[in-house]
Amino acid sequence: MIDVEQIILDFVHVAELAGINVKKDDIQIERLTAPHTPPSTLPKGKMAVYVFHWNDQCFKVGKVGPKSQARYASQHYNPKSSNSNLSKSILKDVPTLGIEDISDKDVGTWIKTNTERVNFLIPESLGIRLLSLLEAFLQCRLKPRFEGFDTQK
């Protein structure tokens, strides 16, 4: 399980070192334990960094600005929804994950049933640079399995 409280405290310090004033209370946490229902919408005036976690490993860290509703709510649960999403990555890596009998029709259900999702919501007014810093911080801290292209690793 992700130690959200420690992550937030450490991130506030990182943001301070970067010259960005953010308080712990500026970051709202939405923890969706398995099985979970995906959020239906990104709250108005918010941006988010989201984390998918399974069996003590981080699968994905991503970010969405205030106008990325589909990315936030649904794209990661459907392999045909976008060029890059969690469901597509899982399907490519099924043999090494030890997941059996999973297809493009049921990978979204598998994600909802088996993964924890943690959403870090921040006010849009804090700006895209803070959002990007939070995403980079979480990627460094959590080392997601499905992040970036293989050629970038």
N, C-alpha and C. Protein backbone atom coordinates (compact mmCIF):
# COMPACT_ATOMS: atom_id res chain seq x y z
N MET A 1 0.84 -1.18 0.00
CA MET A 1 0.00 0.00 0.00
C MET A 1 0.89 1.25 0.00
N ILE A 2 0.46 2.24 -0.69
CA ILE A 2 1.22 3.47 -0.83
C ILE A 2 1.05 4.33 0.43
N ASP A 3 2.16 4.81 0.98
CA ASP A 3 2.15 5.69 2.14
C ASP A 3 1.89 7.12 1.66
N VAL A 4 0.63 7.43 1.47
CA VAL A 4 0.22 8.71 0.89
C VAL A 4 0.64 9.90 1.75
N GLU A 5 0.50 9.77 3.05
CA GLU A 5 0.85 10.89 3.94
C GLU A 5 2.32 11.26 3.82
N GLN A 6 3.21 10.26 3.80
CA GLN A 6 4.64 10.54 3.68
C GLN A 6 4.97 11.12 2.31
N ILE A 7 4.32 10.60 1.29
CA ILE A 7 4.53 11.12 -0.07
C ILE A 7 4.18 12.60 -0.13
N ILE A 8 3.05 12.97 0.44
CA ILE A 8 2.63 14.37 0.40
C ILE A 8 3.62 15.25 1.17
N LEU A 9 4.02 14.82 2.35
CA LEU A 9 4.99 15.61 3.12
C LEU A 9 6.29 15.80 2.35
N ASP A 10 6.78 14.73 1.74
CA ASP A 10 8.02 14.82 0.97
C ASP A 10 7.84 15.70 -0.27
N PHE A 11 6.68 15.60 -0.91
CA PHE A 11 6.45 16.41 -2.11
C PHE A 11 6.37 17.90 -1.77
N VAL A 12 5.73 18.24 -0.68
CA VAL A 12 5.66 19.64 -0.27
C VAL A 12 7.07 20.20 -0.11
N HIS A 13 7.96 19.40 0.45
CA HIS A 13 9.35 19.82 0.61
C HIS A 13 10.03 19.98 -0.76
N VAL A 14 9.83 19.04 -1.66
CA VAL A 14 10.40 19.12 -3.02
C VAL A 14 9.89 20.37 -3.73
N ALA A 15 8.60 20.64 -3.63
CA ALA A 15 8.03 21.83 -4.26
C ALA A 15 8.66 23.09 -3.68
N GLU A 16 8.86 23.11 -2.38
CA GLU A 16 9.51 24.25 -1.73
C GLU A 16 10.92 24.46 -2.28
N LEU A 17 11.67 23.36 -2.44
CA LEU A 17 13.01 23.45 -3.01
C LEU A 17 12.98 23.98 -4.44
N ALA A 18 11.88 23.72 -5.14
CA ALA A 18 11.72 24.20 -6.51
C ALA A 18 11.16 25.62 -6.57
N GLY A 19 10.92 26.21 -5.40
CA GLY A 19 10.42 27.58 -5.37
C GLY A 19 8.92 27.69 -5.55
N ILE A 20 8.21 26.60 -5.29
CA ILE A 20 6.75 26.60 -5.42
C ILE A 20 6.14 26.47 -4.04
N ASN A 21 5.25 27.38 -3.71
CA ASN A 21 4.60 27.36 -2.40
C ASN A 21 3.32 26.54 -2.50
N VAL A 22 3.35 25.35 -1.92
CA VAL A 22 2.17 24.49 -1.86
C VAL A 22 2.08 23.95 -0.44
N LYS A 23 0.87 23.88 0.07
CA LYS A 23 0.65 23.36 1.41
C LYS A 23 0.09 21.93 1.32
N LYS A 24 0.31 21.18 2.37
CA LYS A 24 -0.20 19.80 2.44
C LYS A 24 -1.70 19.77 2.15
N ASP A 25 -2.42 20.74 2.67
CA ASP A 25 -3.88 20.79 2.51
C ASP A 25 -4.31 21.14 1.08
N ASP A 26 -3.38 21.60 0.25
CA ASP A 26 -3.70 21.88 -1.15
C ASP A 26 -3.87 20.60 -1.97
N ILE A 27 -3.37 19.49 -1.44
CA ILE A 27 -3.40 18.22 -2.17
C ILE A 27 -4.49 17.34 -1.55
N GLN A 28 -5.50 17.09 -2.33
CA GLN A 28 -6.62 16.26 -1.89
C GLN A 28 -6.37 14.83 -2.38
N ILE A 29 -6.57 13.85 -1.51
CA ILE A 29 -6.33 12.46 -1.85
C ILE A 29 -7.65 11.73 -2.01
N GLU A 30 -7.76 10.98 -3.09
CA GLU A 30 -8.90 10.11 -3.31
C GLU A 30 -8.33 8.70 -3.49
N ARG A 31 -8.52 7.86 -2.49
CA ARG A 31 -8.00 6.49 -2.53
C ARG A 31 -9.14 5.55 -2.92
N LEU A 32 -8.97 4.87 -4.03
CA LEU A 32 -9.97 3.92 -4.52
C LEU A 32 -9.37 2.52 -4.40
N THR A 33 -9.71 1.83 -3.30
CA THR A 33 -9.16 0.50 -3.07
C THR A 33 -9.85 -0.52 -3.96
N ALA A 34 -9.16 -1.62 -4.19
CA ALA A 34 -9.71 -2.69 -5.03
C ALA A 34 -10.79 -3.44 -4.25
N PRO A 35 -11.87 -3.76 -4.90
CA PRO A 35 -12.26 -3.34 -6.24
C PRO A 35 -12.71 -1.88 -6.21
N HIS A 36 -12.46 -1.19 -7.31
CA HIS A 36 -12.82 0.22 -7.33
C HIS A 36 -13.70 0.56 -8.53
N THR A 37 -14.40 1.66 -8.37
CA THR A 37 -15.18 2.24 -9.46
C THR A 37 -14.41 3.47 -9.92
N PRO A 38 -14.10 3.55 -11.21
CA PRO A 38 -13.37 4.72 -11.70
C PRO A 38 -14.14 6.01 -11.43
N PRO A 39 -13.43 7.10 -11.24
CA PRO A 39 -14.13 8.37 -11.06
C PRO A 39 -14.91 8.71 -12.33
N SER A 40 -16.07 9.31 -12.16
CA SER A 40 -16.89 9.64 -13.33
C SER A 40 -16.44 10.93 -13.99
N THR A 41 -15.80 11.79 -13.22
CA THR A 41 -15.36 13.07 -13.76
C THR A 41 -14.25 13.67 -12.90
N LEU A 42 -13.45 14.49 -13.51
CA LEU A 42 -12.44 15.25 -12.78
C LEU A 42 -13.17 16.45 -12.16
N PRO A 43 -13.04 16.65 -10.85
CA PRO A 43 -13.75 17.78 -10.23
C PRO A 43 -13.38 19.12 -10.87
N LYS A 44 -14.38 19.97 -10.98
CA LYS A 44 -14.19 21.30 -11.58
C LYS A 44 -13.10 22.06 -10.84
N GLY A 45 -12.22 22.69 -11.61
CA GLY A 45 -11.16 23.50 -11.04
C GLY A 45 -9.98 22.69 -10.52
N LYS A 46 -9.95 21.39 -10.83
CA LYS A 46 -8.88 20.52 -10.33
C LYS A 46 -8.06 19.93 -11.48
N MET A 47 -6.85 19.56 -11.13
CA MET A 47 -5.97 18.76 -11.99
C MET A 47 -5.60 17.56 -11.13
N ALA A 48 -5.05 16.52 -11.76
CA ALA A 48 -4.74 15.34 -10.95
C ALA A 48 -3.53 14.59 -11.47
N VAL A 49 -2.88 13.93 -10.53
CA VAL A 49 -1.92 12.87 -10.84
C VAL A 49 -2.54 11.62 -10.24
N TYR A 50 -2.58 10.55 -11.02
CA TYR A 50 -3.20 9.31 -10.57
C TYR A 50 -2.17 8.19 -10.60
N VAL A 51 -2.38 7.22 -9.71
CA VAL A 51 -1.48 6.09 -9.57
C VAL A 51 -2.32 4.82 -9.55
N PHE A 52 -1.92 3.85 -10.36
CA PHE A 52 -2.51 2.52 -10.31
C PHE A 52 -1.48 1.59 -9.67
N HIS A 53 -1.93 0.79 -8.68
CA HIS A 53 -1.04 -0.03 -7.88
C HIS A 53 -1.61 -1.44 -7.78
N TRP A 54 -0.77 -2.46 -7.90
CA TRP A 54 -1.21 -3.86 -7.79
C TRP A 54 -0.11 -4.70 -7.16
N ASN A 55 -0.45 -5.50 -6.18
CA ASN A 55 0.49 -6.45 -5.56
C ASN A 55 1.84 -5.82 -5.24
N ASP A 56 1.85 -4.78 -4.49
CA ASP A 56 3.09 -4.12 -4.07
C ASP A 56 3.92 -3.56 -5.20
N GLN A 57 3.31 -3.32 -6.34
CA GLN A 57 4.05 -2.66 -7.41
C GLN A 57 3.18 -1.60 -8.07
N CYS A 58 3.82 -0.52 -8.40
CA CYS A 58 3.13 0.55 -9.10
C CYS A 58 3.08 0.20 -10.58
N PHE A 59 1.90 0.29 -11.15
CA PHE A 59 1.74 0.03 -12.58
C PHE A 59 1.89 1.30 -13.40
N LYS A 60 1.24 2.37 -12.96
CA LYS A 60 1.14 3.57 -13.81
C LYS A 60 1.02 4.82 -12.96
N VAL A 61 1.72 5.87 -13.38
CA VAL A 61 1.55 7.21 -12.82
C VAL A 61 1.27 8.11 -14.01
N GLY A 62 0.19 8.85 -13.95
CA GLY A 62 -0.14 9.76 -15.04
C GLY A 62 -0.72 11.05 -14.50
N LYS A 63 -0.82 12.03 -15.39
CA LYS A 63 -1.36 13.33 -14.98
C LYS A 63 -2.43 13.76 -15.97
N VAL A 64 -3.33 14.58 -15.46
CA VAL A 64 -4.37 15.17 -16.30
C VAL A 64 -4.58 16.61 -15.89
N GLY A 65 -4.69 17.45 -16.89
CA GLY A 65 -5.05 18.84 -16.66
C GLY A 65 -6.56 18.94 -16.50
N PRO A 66 -7.06 20.14 -16.31
CA PRO A 66 -8.49 20.32 -16.03
C PRO A 66 -9.41 19.99 -17.21
N LYS A 67 -8.87 19.80 -18.39
CA LYS A 67 -9.70 19.52 -19.57
C LYS A 67 -9.52 18.10 -20.08
N SER A 68 -9.01 17.21 -19.26
CA SER A 68 -8.71 15.84 -19.69
C SER A 68 -9.66 14.84 -19.05
N GLN A 69 -10.93 15.06 -19.19
CA GLN A 69 -11.94 14.21 -18.54
C GLN A 69 -11.82 12.74 -18.92
N ALA A 70 -11.75 12.44 -20.22
CA ALA A 70 -11.71 11.04 -20.66
C ALA A 70 -10.46 10.33 -20.17
N ARG A 71 -9.33 11.02 -20.21
CA ARG A 71 -8.08 10.41 -19.74
C ARG A 71 -8.20 10.06 -18.26
N TYR A 72 -8.80 10.94 -17.50
CA TYR A 72 -8.94 10.74 -16.05
C TYR A 72 -9.94 9.63 -15.72
N ALA A 73 -11.07 9.64 -16.39
CA ALA A 73 -12.17 8.77 -15.98
C ALA A 73 -12.20 7.40 -16.66
N SER A 74 -11.78 7.29 -17.92
CA SER A 74 -12.08 6.03 -18.60
C SER A 74 -10.99 5.43 -19.49
N GLN A 75 -10.12 6.22 -20.05
CA GLN A 75 -9.22 5.69 -21.08
C GLN A 75 -8.33 4.53 -20.62
N HIS A 76 -7.90 4.52 -19.38
CA HIS A 76 -6.99 3.47 -18.92
C HIS A 76 -7.69 2.12 -18.76
N TYR A 77 -8.99 2.09 -18.82
CA TYR A 77 -9.75 0.85 -18.64
C TYR A 77 -10.15 0.20 -19.96
N ASN A 78 -9.82 0.84 -21.07
CA ASN A 78 -10.21 0.33 -22.40
C ASN A 78 -9.01 0.39 -23.34
N PRO A 79 -8.50 -0.77 -23.78
CA PRO A 79 -7.29 -0.77 -24.61
C PRO A 79 -7.45 -0.07 -25.96
N LYS A 80 -8.69 0.12 -26.39
CA LYS A 80 -8.92 0.75 -27.69
C LYS A 80 -9.21 2.24 -27.59
N SER A 81 -9.13 2.79 -26.40
CA SER A 81 -9.54 4.18 -26.18
C SER A 81 -8.50 5.21 -26.56
N SER A 82 -7.22 4.82 -26.57
CA SER A 82 -6.15 5.77 -26.88
C SER A 82 -4.91 4.99 -27.28
N ASN A 83 -3.92 5.70 -27.78
CA ASN A 83 -2.68 5.04 -28.20
C ASN A 83 -1.91 4.43 -27.04
N SER A 84 -1.99 5.06 -25.88
CA SER A 84 -1.25 4.59 -24.72
C SER A 84 -2.16 4.62 -23.50
N ASN A 85 -2.35 3.46 -22.87
CA ASN A 85 -3.15 3.39 -21.66
C ASN A 85 -2.78 2.15 -20.87
N LEU A 86 -3.21 2.10 -19.63
CA LEU A 86 -2.84 1.00 -18.74
C LEU A 86 -3.35 -0.34 -19.25
N SER A 87 -4.56 -0.41 -19.72
CA SER A 87 -5.10 -1.70 -20.18
C SER A 87 -4.29 -2.27 -21.34
N LYS A 88 -3.87 -1.42 -22.25
CA LYS A 88 -3.05 -1.86 -23.37
C LYS A 88 -1.69 -2.37 -22.88
N SER A 89 -1.11 -1.69 -21.92
CA SER A 89 0.19 -2.10 -21.36
C SER A 89 0.07 -3.45 -20.65
N ILE A 90 -1.00 -3.64 -19.89
CA ILE A 90 -1.20 -4.92 -19.19
C ILE A 90 -1.33 -6.05 -20.20
N LEU A 91 -2.10 -5.85 -21.25
CA LEU A 91 -2.29 -6.91 -22.25
C LEU A 91 -0.97 -7.31 -22.92
N LYS A 92 -0.08 -6.35 -23.12
CA LYS A 92 1.22 -6.64 -23.72
C LYS A 92 2.12 -7.43 -22.77
N ASP A 93 1.86 -7.32 -21.46
CA ASP A 93 2.75 -7.90 -20.46
C ASP A 93 2.11 -9.05 -19.67
N VAL A 94 1.01 -9.59 -20.16
CA VAL A 94 0.29 -10.66 -19.46
C VAL A 94 1.19 -11.83 -19.07
N PRO A 95 2.05 -12.33 -19.96
CA PRO A 95 2.86 -13.49 -19.57
C PRO A 95 3.75 -13.25 -18.35
N THR A 96 4.35 -12.09 -18.23
CA THR A 96 5.25 -11.83 -17.10
C THR A 96 4.50 -11.43 -15.84
N LEU A 97 3.25 -11.03 -15.97
CA LEU A 97 2.46 -10.65 -14.80
C LEU A 97 1.84 -11.86 -14.11
N GLY A 98 1.71 -12.96 -14.84
CA GLY A 98 1.09 -14.15 -14.28
C GLY A 98 -0.42 -14.07 -14.24
N ILE A 99 -0.99 -13.26 -15.11
CA ILE A 99 -2.44 -13.14 -15.20
C ILE A 99 -2.90 -14.05 -16.33
N GLU A 100 -3.90 -14.86 -16.05
CA GLU A 100 -4.39 -15.79 -17.07
C GLU A 100 -5.78 -15.38 -17.55
N ASP A 101 -6.08 -15.82 -18.75
CA ASP A 101 -7.42 -15.64 -19.32
C ASP A 101 -7.90 -14.20 -19.27
N ILE A 102 -7.10 -13.30 -19.78
CA ILE A 102 -7.49 -11.90 -19.84
C ILE A 102 -7.41 -11.44 -21.29
N SER A 103 -8.38 -10.69 -21.71
CA SER A 103 -8.44 -10.23 -23.10
C SER A 103 -8.80 -8.75 -23.12
N ASP A 104 -8.83 -8.18 -24.32
CA ASP A 104 -9.17 -6.77 -24.42
C ASP A 104 -10.60 -6.50 -23.97
N LYS A 105 -11.44 -7.52 -23.93
CA LYS A 105 -12.82 -7.34 -23.50
C LYS A 105 -12.96 -7.26 -21.98
N ASP A 106 -12.03 -7.89 -21.25
CA ASP A 106 -12.19 -7.91 -19.80
C ASP A 106 -11.02 -7.30 -19.02
N VAL A 107 -10.04 -6.71 -19.70
CA VAL A 107 -8.91 -6.12 -18.98
C VAL A 107 -9.35 -4.93 -18.12
N GLY A 108 -10.32 -4.17 -18.59
CA GLY A 108 -10.83 -3.05 -17.80
C GLY A 108 -11.46 -3.52 -16.50
N THR A 109 -12.21 -4.61 -16.58
CA THR A 109 -12.82 -5.19 -15.38
C THR A 109 -11.73 -5.70 -14.45
N TRP A 110 -10.69 -6.30 -15.02
CA TRP A 110 -9.57 -6.79 -14.20
C TRP A 110 -8.92 -5.62 -13.45
N ILE A 111 -8.70 -4.51 -14.13
CA ILE A 111 -8.09 -3.33 -13.49
C ILE A 111 -8.97 -2.85 -12.34
N LYS A 112 -10.26 -2.73 -12.57
CA LYS A 112 -11.18 -2.26 -11.53
C LYS A 112 -11.23 -3.22 -10.34
N THR A 113 -11.16 -4.50 -10.62
CA THR A 113 -11.27 -5.52 -9.58
C THR A 113 -9.99 -5.68 -8.77
N ASN A 114 -8.84 -5.51 -9.41
CA ASN A 114 -7.57 -5.88 -8.78
C ASN A 114 -6.65 -4.74 -8.38
N THR A 115 -6.79 -3.57 -8.96
CA THR A 115 -5.83 -2.51 -8.65
C THR A 115 -6.42 -1.49 -7.69
N GLU A 116 -5.51 -0.89 -6.95
CA GLU A 116 -5.85 0.28 -6.16
C GLU A 116 -5.52 1.50 -7.02
N ARG A 117 -6.35 2.50 -6.94
CA ARG A 117 -6.08 3.75 -7.65
C ARG A 117 -6.06 4.87 -6.62
N VAL A 118 -5.02 5.68 -6.69
CA VAL A 118 -4.92 6.84 -5.80
C VAL A 118 -4.84 8.08 -6.68
N ASN A 119 -5.75 9.00 -6.45
CA ASN A 119 -5.79 10.26 -7.19
C ASN A 119 -5.29 11.38 -6.27
N PHE A 120 -4.31 12.12 -6.75
CA PHE A 120 -3.79 13.28 -6.06
C PHE A 120 -4.36 14.50 -6.77
N LEU A 121 -5.33 15.15 -6.17
CA LEU A 121 -6.04 16.27 -6.80
C LEU A 121 -5.48 17.59 -6.28
N ILE A 122 -5.18 18.48 -7.22
CA ILE A 122 -4.66 19.80 -6.84
C ILE A 122 -5.45 20.88 -7.58
N PRO A 123 -5.56 22.05 -6.97
CA PRO A 123 -6.29 23.14 -7.63
C PRO A 123 -5.60 23.56 -8.93
N GLU A 124 -6.41 23.81 -9.93
CA GLU A 124 -5.91 24.29 -11.22
C GLU A 124 -5.09 25.57 -11.05
N SER A 125 -5.44 26.37 -10.07
CA SER A 125 -4.76 27.65 -9.84
C SER A 125 -3.28 27.49 -9.47
N LEU A 126 -2.88 26.30 -9.01
CA LEU A 126 -1.47 26.08 -8.67
C LEU A 126 -0.59 25.88 -9.90
N GLY A 127 -1.21 25.64 -11.04
CA GLY A 127 -0.47 25.63 -12.30
C GLY A 127 0.07 24.28 -12.76
N ILE A 128 0.29 24.22 -14.06
CA ILE A 128 0.73 22.99 -14.72
C ILE A 128 2.14 22.58 -14.30
N ARG A 129 2.98 23.54 -13.92
CA ARG A 129 4.34 23.18 -13.49
C ARG A 129 4.31 22.35 -12.22
N LEU A 130 3.45 22.72 -11.29
CA LEU A 130 3.32 21.93 -10.07
C LEU A 130 2.77 20.54 -10.39
N LEU A 131 1.80 20.47 -11.29
CA LEU A 131 1.25 19.18 -11.71
C LEU A 131 2.34 18.29 -12.30
N SER A 132 3.15 18.86 -13.17
CA SER A 132 4.24 18.11 -13.79
C SER A 132 5.29 17.67 -12.77
N LEU A 133 5.57 18.55 -11.81
CA LEU A 133 6.53 18.20 -10.76
C LEU A 133 5.99 17.05 -9.90
N LEU A 134 4.71 17.08 -9.58
CA LEU A 134 4.12 16.01 -8.79
C LEU A 134 4.17 14.69 -9.56
N GLU A 135 3.87 14.72 -10.84
CA GLU A 135 3.94 13.49 -11.64
C GLU A 135 5.37 12.95 -11.66
N ALA A 136 6.34 13.81 -11.93
CA ALA A 136 7.74 13.37 -11.97
C ALA A 136 8.19 12.83 -10.61
N PHE A 137 7.80 13.51 -9.53
CA PHE A 137 8.14 13.05 -8.19
C PHE A 137 7.58 11.66 -7.93
N LEU A 138 6.31 11.45 -8.26
CA LEU A 138 5.69 10.15 -8.02
C LEU A 138 6.30 9.06 -8.91
N GLN A 139 6.67 9.42 -10.13
CA GLN A 139 7.32 8.43 -10.98
C GLN A 139 8.67 8.02 -10.40
N CYS A 140 9.43 8.98 -9.89
CA CYS A 140 10.72 8.66 -9.27
C CYS A 140 10.53 7.85 -7.99
N ARG A 141 9.57 8.22 -7.18
CA ARG A 141 9.34 7.56 -5.89
C ARG A 141 8.78 6.14 -6.08
N LEU A 142 7.80 5.99 -6.99
CA LEU A 142 7.06 4.73 -7.09
C LEU A 142 7.56 3.79 -8.18
N LYS A 143 8.37 4.30 -9.11
CA LYS A 143 8.96 3.49 -10.18
C LYS A 143 7.92 2.62 -10.91
N PRO A 144 6.98 3.26 -11.59
CA PRO A 144 5.92 2.50 -12.25
C PRO A 144 6.44 1.55 -13.33
N ARG A 145 5.85 0.39 -13.38
CA ARG A 145 6.21 -0.65 -14.36
C ARG A 145 5.91 -0.20 -15.78
N PHE A 146 4.78 0.43 -15.97
CA PHE A 146 4.35 0.85 -17.31
C PHE A 146 4.44 2.36 -17.42
N GLU A 147 5.61 2.84 -17.71
CA GLU A 147 5.80 4.27 -17.85
C GLU A 147 6.77 4.55 -18.97
N GLY A 148 6.37 5.37 -19.91
CA GLY A 148 7.23 5.72 -21.02
C GLY A 148 7.35 4.59 -22.03
N PHE A 149 8.06 4.85 -23.07
CA PHE A 149 8.29 3.88 -24.12
C PHE A 149 9.53 3.07 -23.80
N ASP A 150 9.55 1.82 -24.24
CA ASP A 150 10.71 0.95 -24.00
C ASP A 150 12.00 1.59 -24.49
N THR A 151 11.93 2.33 -25.59
CA THR A 151 13.13 2.97 -26.14
C THR A 151 13.65 4.09 -25.26
N GLN A 152 12.81 4.58 -24.32
CA GLN A 152 13.21 5.66 -23.43
C GLN A 152 13.86 5.13 -22.15
N LYS A 153 13.77 3.83 -21.93
CA LYS A 153 14.26 3.26 -20.66
C LYS A 153 15.71 2.86 -20.75
